[in-house]
Protein backbone atom coordinates (compact mmCIF):
# COMPACT_ATOMS: atom_id res chain seq x y z
CA MET A 1 -22.88 72.12 -21.46
CA VAL A 2 -20.96 68.83 -21.63
CA SER A 3 -17.97 70.39 -23.40
CA LYS A 4 -17.80 73.20 -20.86
CA HIS A 5 -17.87 70.75 -17.97
CA SER A 6 -15.06 68.71 -19.58
CA GLN A 7 -12.91 71.82 -19.97
CA GLU A 8 -13.41 72.74 -16.30
CA SER A 9 -12.45 69.17 -15.30
CA ARG A 10 -9.24 69.31 -17.33
CA SER A 11 -8.29 72.66 -15.78
CA LEU A 12 -8.89 71.26 -12.31
CA ASP A 13 -6.68 68.22 -13.06
CA TRP A 14 -3.77 70.40 -14.20
CA SER A 15 -3.99 72.62 -11.13
CA GLN A 16 -3.80 69.49 -8.92
CA LEU A 17 -1.00 67.82 -10.89
CA GLY A 18 1.33 70.80 -10.37
CA PRO A 19 1.67 70.33 -6.58
CA VAL A 20 2.00 66.54 -7.09
CA TYR A 21 5.07 66.90 -9.31
CA VAL A 22 6.49 69.60 -7.03
CA ASN A 23 6.21 67.27 -4.04
CA ARG A 24 7.97 64.45 -5.89
CA VAL A 25 10.92 66.69 -6.73
CA ARG A 26 10.94 67.90 -3.13
CA PHE A 27 11.32 64.36 -1.76
CA ALA A 28 14.08 63.62 -4.29
CA LEU A 29 16.01 66.69 -3.15
CA ALA A 30 15.50 65.72 0.49
CA PHE A 31 17.06 62.30 -0.13
CA PHE A 32 19.91 64.00 -1.94
CA TYR A 33 20.49 66.22 1.09
CA ILE A 34 20.57 63.10 3.30
CA LEU A 35 23.29 61.53 1.14
CA ALA A 36 25.28 64.77 1.12
CA THR A 37 25.03 65.02 4.92
CA LEU A 38 26.19 61.42 5.42
CA GLY A 39 29.10 61.94 3.03
CA SER A 40 30.33 65.11 4.72
CA TYR A 41 29.61 64.08 8.32
CA GLN A 42 33.26 63.77 9.36
CA THR A 43 34.35 67.03 7.72
CA SER A 44 31.36 69.13 8.83
CA THR A 45 30.99 70.95 12.12
CA ARG A 46 28.29 70.05 14.59
CA LEU A 47 26.40 73.26 13.72
CA GLN A 48 26.49 72.46 10.00
CA THR A 49 25.33 68.88 10.53
CA SER A 50 22.51 70.05 12.80
CA ALA A 51 21.40 72.63 10.24
CA TYR A 52 21.39 69.97 7.51
CA LEU A 53 19.27 67.62 9.61
CA VAL A 54 16.81 70.36 10.60
CA GLY A 55 16.38 71.43 6.97
CA ILE A 56 15.86 67.84 5.80
CA SER A 57 13.34 67.20 8.56
CA CYS A 58 11.42 70.34 7.64
CA MET A 59 11.27 69.29 3.99
CA PHE A 60 9.94 65.84 4.90
CA LEU A 61 7.48 67.36 7.38
CA TYR A 62 5.72 69.83 5.11
CA GLY A 63 6.17 67.47 2.15
CA PHE A 64 4.08 64.81 3.92
CA ILE A 65 1.61 67.51 5.01
CA GLN A 66 1.13 68.58 1.38
CA ARG A 67 0.75 64.96 0.29
CA SER A 68 -1.90 64.37 2.94
CA LEU A 69 -3.81 67.50 1.92
CA LEU A 70 -3.65 66.43 -1.73
CA HIS A 71 -5.13 63.00 -0.96
CA ARG A 72 -7.97 64.61 0.99
CA GLY A 73 -8.53 67.29 -1.68
CA LYS A 74 -7.97 70.16 0.79
CA LEU A 75 -4.77 71.63 -0.65
CA ASN A 76 -5.34 75.18 -1.90
CA GLN A 77 -3.06 77.36 -4.00
CA ILE A 78 -1.90 79.49 -1.06
CA LEU A 79 -0.51 76.48 0.85
CA ALA A 80 1.14 75.07 -2.28
CA LYS A 81 2.89 78.40 -2.91
CA GLY A 82 3.91 78.65 0.73
CA PHE A 83 5.53 75.20 0.64
CA ILE A 84 7.61 76.18 -2.42
CA LEU A 85 8.81 79.32 -0.63
CA LEU A 86 9.71 77.07 2.32
CA ASP A 87 11.83 74.98 -0.09
CA ILE A 88 13.76 78.08 -1.09
CA CYS A 89 14.17 79.13 2.55
CA VAL A 90 15.39 75.64 3.57
CA LEU A 91 17.94 75.68 0.75
CA PHE A 92 19.16 79.04 1.94
CA GLY A 93 19.36 77.85 5.56
CA VAL A 94 21.30 74.70 4.65
CA THR A 95 23.65 76.69 2.41
CA ALA A 96 24.17 79.37 5.06
CA ALA A 97 25.06 76.68 7.60
CA GLY A 98 27.57 75.22 5.13
CA LEU A 99 29.26 78.61 4.88
CA LEU A 100 30.01 78.66 8.62
CA GLY A 101 33.40 77.00 8.24
CA THR A 102 36.65 78.11 6.71
CA LYS A 103 36.71 80.73 4.00
CA GLU A 104 38.05 78.15 1.54
CA THR A 105 35.04 75.91 2.21
CA ALA A 106 32.69 78.88 1.90
CA ALA A 107 34.26 79.97 -1.40
CA ASP A 108 34.10 76.44 -2.83
CA LEU A 109 30.45 76.14 -1.81
CA VAL A 110 29.55 79.41 -3.53
CA LYS A 111 31.50 78.38 -6.65
CA SER A 112 29.66 75.05 -6.81
CA PRO A 113 27.12 75.16 -9.64
CA ILE A 114 24.84 72.77 -7.80
CA LEU A 115 23.59 75.62 -5.60
CA TYR A 116 22.77 77.67 -8.68
CA VAL A 117 21.05 74.72 -10.38
CA LEU A 118 18.87 74.05 -7.33
CA TYR A 119 17.51 77.57 -7.43
CA TYR A 120 16.73 76.99 -11.14
CA PHE A 121 14.82 73.86 -10.12
CA TYR A 122 12.73 75.80 -7.62
CA ILE A 123 11.94 78.56 -10.13
CA THR A 124 11.05 76.03 -12.81
CA TYR A 125 8.66 73.91 -10.79
CA SER A 126 7.05 77.02 -9.25
CA ALA A 127 5.64 77.49 -12.77
CA PHE A 128 3.67 74.25 -12.28
CA LEU A 129 1.17 76.29 -10.23
CA PHE A 130 0.31 78.37 -13.37
CA SER A 131 0.80 81.72 -11.59
CA GLU A 132 2.96 84.38 -13.21
CA GLY A 133 3.09 86.54 -10.07
CA PHE A 134 4.19 83.68 -7.82
CA LEU A 135 6.87 82.63 -10.33
CA LEU A 136 8.35 86.15 -10.17
CA ILE A 137 8.14 86.06 -6.36
CA SER A 138 10.11 82.80 -6.35
CA THR A 139 12.67 84.32 -8.72
CA TYR A 140 13.21 87.46 -6.66
CA THR A 141 13.32 85.44 -3.42
CA SER A 142 16.00 83.15 -4.87
CA ALA A 143 18.01 86.14 -6.09
CA PHE A 144 17.73 87.77 -2.67
CA PHE A 145 18.99 84.63 -0.91
CA LEU A 146 21.91 84.37 -3.36
CA VAL A 147 22.88 87.92 -2.43
CA CYS A 148 22.59 87.00 1.26
CA ILE A 149 24.85 83.97 0.66
CA LEU A 150 27.48 86.26 -0.89
CA LEU A 151 27.25 88.57 2.13
CA ILE A 152 27.68 85.64 4.54
CA ALA A 153 30.67 84.43 2.50
CA LYS A 154 32.13 87.93 2.73
CA MET A 155 31.68 87.86 6.50
CA GLN A 156 33.51 84.50 6.59
CA GLY A 157 36.53 86.11 4.98
CA VAL A 158 36.02 85.16 1.34
CA GLN A 159 37.76 87.66 -0.93
CA PHE A 160 35.98 89.10 -3.97
CA LEU A 161 38.54 89.78 -6.69
CA GLU A 162 38.59 90.60 -10.38
CA VAL A 163 41.81 89.00 -11.58
CA GLN A 164 42.61 86.25 -14.04
CA GLY A 165 42.35 82.75 -12.53
CA VAL A 166 40.43 83.91 -9.47
CA GLN A 167 38.07 80.94 -9.75
CA SER A 168 40.94 78.52 -9.07
CA MET A 169 42.27 80.54 -6.13
CA PRO A 170 41.20 79.12 -2.73
CA GLY A 171 39.12 81.45 -0.59
CA SER A 172 38.44 83.86 -3.48
CA LEU A 173 35.51 84.64 -5.76
CA ALA A 174 34.98 86.69 -8.94
CA ILE A 175 32.33 89.23 -8.00
CA SER A 176 31.35 89.88 -11.66
CA ASN A 177 30.75 86.17 -12.20
CA GLU A 178 28.45 85.96 -9.16
CA ILE A 179 26.54 89.11 -10.15
CA PHE A 180 26.08 87.75 -13.68
CA LYS A 181 24.75 84.46 -12.28
CA ILE A 182 22.17 86.32 -10.17
CA PHE A 183 21.21 88.55 -13.08
CA PHE A 184 20.84 85.55 -15.41
CA LEU A 185 18.66 83.83 -12.78
CA ILE A 186 16.33 86.86 -12.71
CA CYS A 187 16.21 86.96 -16.53
CA PHE A 188 15.34 83.27 -16.63
CA GLY A 189 12.51 83.76 -14.14
CA TYR A 190 11.15 86.76 -16.04
CA LEU A 191 11.26 84.95 -19.39
CA THR A 192 9.55 81.90 -17.90
CA ALA A 193 6.86 84.17 -16.41
CA ARG A 194 6.24 85.76 -19.82
CA VAL A 195 5.87 82.37 -21.46
CA LEU A 196 3.56 81.20 -18.65
CA LYS A 197 1.40 84.31 -19.05
CA LEU A 198 1.12 83.78 -22.79
CA MET A 199 0.17 80.11 -22.34
CA ASN A 200 -2.48 81.02 -19.74
CA SER A 201 -3.96 83.68 -22.05
CA ILE A 202 -3.96 81.26 -24.99
CA ARG A 203 -5.67 78.61 -22.86
CA ALA A 204 -8.35 81.09 -21.74
CA GLU A 205 -8.82 82.31 -25.30
CA ALA A 206 -9.13 78.73 -26.57
CA GLU A 207 -11.79 77.96 -23.95
CA LYS A 208 -13.68 81.12 -24.93
CA LYS A 209 -13.51 80.27 -28.63
CA GLY A 210 -14.63 76.72 -27.88
CA GLU A 211 -17.72 78.02 -26.07
CA LEU A 212 -18.44 80.41 -28.95
CA ALA A 213 -18.07 77.61 -31.52
CA LEU A 214 -20.43 75.41 -29.46
CA GLN A 215 -22.99 78.21 -29.33
CA GLU A 216 -22.70 78.75 -33.08
CA LYS A 217 -23.21 75.02 -33.62
CA GLU A 218 -26.35 75.05 -31.48
CA ASN A 219 -27.68 78.06 -33.41
CA SER A 220 -26.92 76.29 -36.69
CA GLU A 221 -28.75 73.15 -35.57
CA GLN A 222 -31.72 75.22 -34.41
CA LEU A 223 -31.86 77.07 -37.74
CA ASN A 224 -31.63 73.79 -39.65
CA SER A 225 -34.49 72.43 -37.58
CA GLU A 226 -36.56 75.52 -38.38
CA LEU A 227 -35.75 75.15 -42.09
CA ILE A 228 -36.87 71.51 -42.04
CA HIS A 229 -40.06 72.50 -40.20
CA ILE A 230 -40.79 75.31 -42.67
CA GLY A 231 -40.07 73.00 -45.61
CA SER A 232 -42.44 70.42 -44.13
CA GLU A 233 -45.18 73.03 -43.66
CA LEU A 234 -44.60 74.29 -47.20
CA SER A 235 -44.87 70.76 -48.54
CA GLN A 236 -48.12 70.16 -46.64
CA THR A 237 -49.58 73.46 -47.86
CA LEU A 238 -48.68 72.63 -51.45
CA ARG A 239 -50.23 69.18 -51.13
CA LYS A 240 -53.45 70.79 -49.91
CA LEU A 241 -53.25 73.27 -52.77
CA LYS A 242 -52.75 70.42 -55.20
CA GLU A 243 -55.80 68.63 -53.81
CA ILE A 244 -57.87 71.81 -54.24
CA LEU A 245 -56.65 72.20 -57.81
CA ASN A 246 -57.43 68.58 -58.62
CA LYS A 247 -60.90 69.06 -57.24
CA PHE A 248 -61.18 72.31 -59.18
CA ARG A 249 -60.16 70.54 -62.39
CA GLY A 250 -62.75 67.88 -61.70
CA GLU A 251 -65.37 70.55 -61.24
CA LEU A 252 -64.23 72.20 -64.47
CA GLN A 253 -64.63 68.90 -66.26
CA ASP A 254 -68.09 68.59 -64.80
CA GLU A 255 -68.82 72.13 -65.88
CA SER A 256 -67.55 71.39 -69.39
CA LYS A 257 -69.82 68.41 -69.56
CA ALA A 258 -72.71 70.52 -68.33
CA ILE A 259 -72.00 73.08 -71.04
CA GLU A 260 -71.99 70.33 -73.66
CA ASP A 261 -75.26 69.07 -72.28
CA LEU A 262 -76.55 72.61 -72.37
CA ASN A 263 -75.50 72.90 -76.00
CA ASP A 264 -77.32 69.69 -76.81
CA PHE A 265 -80.23 70.95 -74.83
CA THR A 266 -80.41 74.12 -76.90
CA GLN A 267 -80.44 72.00 -80.04
CA SER A 268 -83.40 70.17 -78.63
CA PHE A 269 -84.98 73.29 -77.14
CA SER A 270 -88.38 72.26 -78.15
CA GLN A 271 -88.26 69.16 -75.92
CA SER A 272 -87.72 70.58 -72.41
CA ILE A 273 -87.04 74.27 -71.50
CA GLN A 274 -87.62 73.55 -67.83
CA SER A 275 -84.73 71.03 -67.67
CA SER A 276 -82.36 73.65 -69.14
CA VAL A 277 -83.26 76.18 -66.45
CA GLU A 278 -82.50 73.65 -63.65
CA ASP A 279 -79.10 72.80 -65.17
CA ILE A 280 -78.19 76.49 -65.34
CA LEU A 281 -79.11 77.01 -61.69
CA LEU A 282 -76.97 74.00 -60.69
CA GLN A 283 -74.03 75.38 -62.64
CA HIS A 284 -74.38 78.77 -60.93
CA GLN A 285 -74.19 77.09 -57.50
CA GLU A 286 -71.04 75.19 -58.49
CA VAL A 287 -69.34 78.40 -59.70
CA THR A 288 -70.23 80.13 -56.43
CA GLY A 289 -68.63 77.29 -54.41
CA LEU A 290 -65.56 77.39 -56.63
CA ASP A 291 -65.25 81.14 -55.99
CA GLU A 292 -65.18 80.53 -52.22
CA LYS A 293 -62.51 77.82 -52.55
CA SER A 294 -60.40 80.08 -54.77
CA GLY A 295 -60.49 82.75 -52.04
CA SER A 296 -59.14 80.18 -49.54
CA LEU A 297 -56.39 79.32 -52.03
CA LYS A 298 -55.42 83.00 -52.22
CA GLU A 299 -55.10 83.24 -48.42
CA SER A 300 -52.94 80.09 -48.32
CA LEU A 301 -50.57 81.50 -50.92
CA GLU A 302 -50.26 84.77 -48.97
CA ASP A 303 -49.42 82.85 -45.78
CA LEU A 304 -46.89 80.75 -47.68
CA GLU A 305 -45.22 83.87 -49.08
CA ALA A 306 -44.95 85.37 -45.57
CA VAL A 307 -43.27 82.17 -44.29
CA VAL A 308 -40.74 82.18 -47.14
CA VAL A 309 -39.93 85.89 -46.56
CA ALA A 310 -39.32 85.18 -42.84
CA LEU A 311 -37.08 82.25 -43.80
CA HIS A 312 -35.13 84.56 -46.11
CA GLY A 313 -34.54 86.98 -43.20
CA LYS A 314 -33.27 84.19 -40.93
CA MET A 315 -30.89 83.02 -43.67
CA ASP A 316 -29.36 86.54 -43.79
CA GLY A 317 -28.74 86.42 -40.02
CA PHE A 318 -27.19 82.96 -40.21
CA GLN A 319 -24.86 84.08 -43.04
CA ILE A 320 -23.59 86.93 -40.81
CA GLN A 321 -22.96 84.44 -37.96
CA SER A 322 -21.06 82.16 -40.36
CA GLU A 323 -18.81 85.08 -41.37
CA GLU A 324 -18.12 85.82 -37.67
CA LEU A 325 -17.24 82.13 -37.13
CA VAL A 326 -14.72 82.23 -40.02
CA SER A 327 -13.13 85.37 -38.51
CA THR A 328 -12.94 83.71 -35.07
CA ILE A 329 -11.19 80.60 -36.47
CA LYS A 330 -8.65 82.78 -38.31
CA ASN A 331 -7.95 84.65 -35.03
CA LEU A 332 -7.37 81.28 -33.30
CA ASP A 333 -4.86 80.37 -36.04
CA ASP A 334 -2.91 83.58 -35.33
CA ARG A 335 -2.88 82.79 -31.60
CA LEU A 336 -1.50 79.31 -32.26
CA SER A 337 1.31 80.86 -34.32
CA MET A 338 2.20 83.05 -31.31
CA VAL A 339 2.33 79.95 -29.07
CA ASN A 340 4.66 78.25 -31.57
CA ASP A 341 7.05 81.24 -31.40
CA SER A 342 7.02 81.10 -27.59
CA GLN A 343 7.81 77.37 -27.69
CA ARG A 344 10.94 78.12 -29.71
CA GLU A 345 12.10 80.56 -27.00
CA VAL A 346 11.53 77.89 -24.32
CA THR A 347 13.62 75.46 -26.42
CA GLU A 348 16.52 77.92 -26.39
CA VAL A 349 16.32 78.22 -22.59
CA ASN A 350 16.22 74.41 -22.28
CA GLU A 351 19.41 74.15 -24.37
CA ILE A 352 21.08 76.59 -21.97
CA MET A 353 20.06 74.39 -19.01
CA ALA A 354 21.49 71.33 -20.78
CA GLU A 355 24.77 73.17 -21.29
CA ILE A 356 24.81 74.10 -17.58
CA ALA A 357 24.27 70.42 -16.69
CA ASP A 358 27.24 69.42 -18.89
CA ARG A 359 29.44 71.97 -17.19
CA THR A 360 28.24 70.78 -13.79
CA ASN A 361 29.20 67.24 -14.71
CA LEU A 362 32.68 68.43 -15.71
CA LEU A 363 33.06 70.31 -12.44
CA ALA A 364 31.95 67.20 -10.51
CA LEU A 365 34.65 65.19 -12.30
CA ASN A 366 37.28 67.74 -11.36
CA ALA A 367 35.99 67.72 -7.78
CA SER A 368 36.33 63.92 -7.68
CA ILE A 369 39.93 64.18 -8.84
CA GLU A 370 40.68 66.79 -6.19
CA ALA A 371 38.98 64.64 -3.54
CA ALA A 372 41.14 61.68 -4.55
CA ARG A 373 44.23 63.80 -4.15
CA ALA A 374 43.08 64.91 -0.69
CA GLY A 375 42.95 61.30 0.51
CA GLU A 376 41.05 60.55 3.67
CA HIS A 377 40.02 64.16 4.18
CA GLY A 378 38.41 64.38 0.77
CA ARG A 379 36.24 61.26 1.09
CA GLY A 380 33.10 63.19 2.06
CA PHE A 381 33.70 65.72 -0.67
CA ALA A 382 34.06 62.82 -3.14
CA VAL A 383 30.59 61.60 -2.17
CA VAL A 384 29.21 65.09 -2.74
CA ALA A 385 31.00 65.27 -6.09
CA PHE A 386 29.48 61.92 -7.09
CA GLU A 387 25.99 63.13 -6.17
CA VAL A 388 26.57 66.39 -8.02
CA ALA A 389 27.57 64.43 -11.12
CA LYS A 390 24.49 62.25 -10.71
CA LEU A 391 22.28 65.30 -10.33
CA ALA A 392 23.89 66.86 -13.41
CA GLU A 393 23.14 63.69 -15.36
CA ASN A 394 19.53 63.81 -14.15
CA SER A 395 19.37 67.46 -15.17
CA ASN A 396 20.61 66.54 -18.64
CA GLU A 397 17.97 63.78 -18.88
CA ASN A 398 15.26 66.17 -17.71
CA ALA A 399 16.39 68.68 -20.34
CA SER A 400 16.04 65.94 -22.97
CA LYS A 401 12.55 65.09 -21.68
CA ILE A 402 11.59 68.76 -21.75
CA LYS A 403 12.86 68.95 -25.32
CA LYS A 404 10.68 65.97 -26.32
CA ILE A 405 7.68 67.53 -24.57
CA ILE A 406 8.28 70.80 -26.44
CA GLN A 407 8.57 68.91 -29.73
CA LYS A 408 5.31 67.09 -28.99
CA ALA A 409 3.64 70.40 -28.06
CA ASN A 410 4.89 71.91 -31.33
CA SER A 411 3.37 68.95 -33.19
CA VAL A 412 0.03 69.45 -31.39
CA ILE A 413 0.13 73.20 -32.16
CA ALA A 414 0.85 72.45 -35.83
CA GLU A 415 -2.07 70.01 -35.89
CA GLY A 416 -4.27 72.66 -34.23
CA THR A 417 -3.22 75.17 -36.89
CA LYS A 418 -4.08 72.63 -39.61
CA LEU A 419 -7.48 71.94 -38.04
CA ALA A 420 -8.13 75.70 -37.79
CA LEU A 421 -7.38 76.06 -41.52
CA GLU A 422 -9.65 73.10 -42.35
CA SER A 423 -12.40 74.59 -40.17
CA THR A 424 -12.02 77.89 -42.03
CA LYS A 425 -12.40 76.14 -45.39
CA LYS A 426 -15.43 74.15 -44.19
CA SER A 427 -17.04 77.29 -42.74
CA GLU A 428 -16.51 79.12 -46.03
CA ALA A 429 -17.98 76.13 -47.92
CA LEU A 430 -20.96 76.13 -45.52
CA GLN A 431 -21.40 79.86 -46.09
CA SER A 432 -21.38 79.29 -49.86
CA GLY A 433 -23.96 76.52 -49.46
CA TYR A 434 -26.27 78.79 -47.49
CA GLN A 435 -25.91 81.46 -50.17
CA ASP A 436 -27.10 78.88 -52.71
CA LEU A 437 -29.95 77.97 -50.36
CA GLN A 438 -30.82 81.64 -50.03
CA SER A 439 -30.96 81.92 -53.83
CA ALA A 440 -33.27 78.89 -53.95
CA ILE A 441 -35.55 80.48 -51.34
CA GLN A 442 -35.62 83.70 -53.35
CA GLU A 443 -36.54 81.70 -56.46
CA ALA A 444 -39.34 79.97 -54.51
CA THR A 445 -40.60 83.39 -53.36
CA ASN A 446 -40.74 84.60 -56.95
CA LYS A 447 -42.63 81.48 -58.02
CA ILE A 448 -45.13 81.93 -55.18
CA ARG A 449 -45.72 85.52 -56.28
CA SER A 450 -46.21 84.31 -59.85
CA GLN A 451 -48.62 81.68 -58.54
CA ARG A 452 -50.54 84.37 -56.67
CA GLU A 453 -50.86 86.43 -59.86
CA LEU A 454 -52.16 83.37 -61.70
CA ASN A 455 -54.62 82.74 -58.87
CA THR A 456 -55.82 86.36 -59.10
CA PHE A 457 -56.34 85.94 -62.81
CA MET A 458 -58.19 82.69 -62.16
CA LEU A 459 -60.45 84.44 -59.63
CA HIS A 460 -61.31 87.07 -62.21
CA SER A 461 -62.12 84.30 -64.67
CA ILE A 462 -64.34 82.58 -62.10
CA ILE A 463 -66.14 85.87 -61.44
CA LYS A 464 -66.60 86.22 -65.14
CA ILE A 465 -68.04 82.70 -65.28
CA GLY A 466 -70.40 83.59 -62.44
CA LYS A 467 -71.62 86.66 -64.29
CA LEU A 468 -72.08 84.62 -67.42
CA SER A 469 -74.05 82.04 -65.42
CA VAL A 470 -76.35 84.78 -64.14
CA ASP A 471 -76.76 86.11 -67.63
CA LEU A 472 -77.45 82.60 -68.87
CA GLU A 473 -80.09 82.14 -66.21
CA ASN A 474 -81.80 85.33 -67.28
CA GLU A 475 -81.47 84.42 -70.90
CA SER A 476 -82.93 80.96 -70.29
CA LYS A 477 -86.10 82.58 -69.07
CA LEU A 478 -86.31 84.41 -72.35
CA LEU A 479 -85.10 81.44 -74.34
CA SER A 480 -88.42 80.83 -75.91
CA GLY A 481 -88.35 84.31 -77.47
CA ASN A 482 -84.62 84.54 -78.36
CA LYS A 483 -83.04 81.15 -79.12
CA ASP A 484 -80.15 82.52 -81.17
CA ARG A 485 -79.06 84.82 -78.31
CA MET A 486 -78.97 81.89 -75.89
CA LEU A 487 -76.80 79.86 -78.24
CA GLU A 488 -74.30 82.73 -78.43
CA VAL A 489 -74.11 82.93 -74.63
CA VAL A 490 -73.51 79.17 -74.43
CA LYS A 491 -70.64 79.43 -76.90
CA LYS A 492 -69.03 82.23 -74.85
CA MET A 493 -69.38 80.20 -71.68
CA TYR A 494 -67.79 77.19 -73.35
CA GLN A 495 -64.82 79.32 -74.50
CA VAL A 496 -64.33 80.76 -71.03
CA ASN A 497 -64.45 77.25 -69.61
CA LEU A 498 -61.62 76.25 -71.95
CA GLU A 499 -59.56 79.23 -70.73
CA VAL A 500 -60.15 78.32 -67.09
CA THR A 501 -59.15 74.73 -67.82
CA ALA A 502 -55.87 75.92 -69.37
CA LEU A 503 -55.23 78.17 -66.35
CA SER A 504 -55.93 75.24 -64.05
CA GLU A 505 -53.30 73.16 -65.81
CA MET A 506 -50.77 76.02 -65.48
CA ILE A 507 -51.54 76.33 -61.76
CA THR A 508 -51.06 72.58 -61.33
CA LEU A 509 -47.66 72.76 -63.05
CA GLU A 510 -46.51 75.65 -60.85
CA THR A 511 -47.75 73.81 -57.76
CA ASN A 512 -45.69 70.74 -58.69
CA ASN A 513 -42.61 72.95 -59.10
CA LEU A 514 -43.19 74.55 -55.69
CA GLU A 515 -43.66 71.13 -54.11
CA GLN A 516 -40.34 69.98 -55.59
CA HIS A 517 -38.63 73.09 -54.19
CA SER A 518 -40.08 72.41 -50.74
CA VAL A 519 -38.76 68.82 -50.89
CA ASN A 520 -35.32 70.11 -51.89
CA LEU A 521 -35.44 72.63 -49.02
CA THR A 522 -36.23 69.85 -46.53
CA THR A 523 -33.62 67.39 -47.80
CA ALA A 524 -30.89 70.05 -48.14
CA ASN A 525 -30.75 70.44 -44.35
């Protein structure tokens, strides 16, 4: 339960961190727009300046609203997505206002890579909300607004040509270049959505496997506890059995002594026949009590065998669960390999973004040179070029940071793969250990069955002793008329007593072995 709660807490933190980072980027872009507006104030029309100020005000307004909702914990996913769409709309509105000048200005604004890069920023940080559908919505919305910008530029008189050097011609655009930029933007959004979907599925799968592993661990601990309990009960039962056997051996020794006394008594038959009869009756009572105790021993062995058989069945079930755990860990290893492949694709996209930032920096340098040539009229454009170069440098730094993050993620994935392999080996070793334990339990079962057979044989011997005691009692009554017959019966009884003593020693040895197995069963877990 603790692990599950921790996983839910981590998921909640990531879902809240996404809007936080989005809002920080939003405020940075708003300040950039302020600098761009101040730099181009003298060259912009009143309508353009008003549009810039309205867009900046809107960004600050809903940016502070989102920040306030975040601090109060009332920001939901719908509002966060709506604010990102507002970012895209504000960018379109500001850009559309910038197009409402000369066709040369409109063409230069469309050619500027900064507009294209900003839409990439919006698509990228829309992924922070961990929603594949919303990322595609942001992509298609950005592509739609880029098409609208081209239409507005067309209405302003910008010419769309397909000739060599059209990019350097004022008031002209290469239509194929613009279409390719829009198409590449859509491809980037789709690829990012695929990667996001894969990461979400891997995260869900990892949480599911974690819960399954936790459940398997709990089952393993419960089974180990049951094994320890059964081993303890087995040890107690064997100790009781050992006590009974020790008492039985003591009684056998007493019986042997009684037989010796009886033999002496027969040698001195002429002294006291009545004393011999009393000794025989006492011996018969002891054999009867021993018969009852042997029956209790038989029942204890049967109960012990039933417990060991049940333990054997539980071990089979646990072995099956261990095999399922090994299969689950191997499946997790395959999933981690898929994530590693997706990380390589993201690295390639990041390299493309770094290349775009380098080109943007070069274009900003060229724009600065052109602004210097324009003199006083190009001062505002020089400020914009400086900010574009600065933004390109920031983009390059962000690409480097993303690369480091990807490398760190690859390292974590590699470590996860290594841990999965180690878990597989440990699970297989655990499975092998339980197979050995199962063999030991089977061996204990066989020994218990052998012990039960010995006990049955001992019971037959005790019954035989009882019959001989009865016969001896009858013979003692006729002892005065048949002394030789009584001596023969005493010899038979003495021989049977020796056999029972030998069987008692064998039972004691088997009981010690069983007790050692029960101790091993308890300590093995």
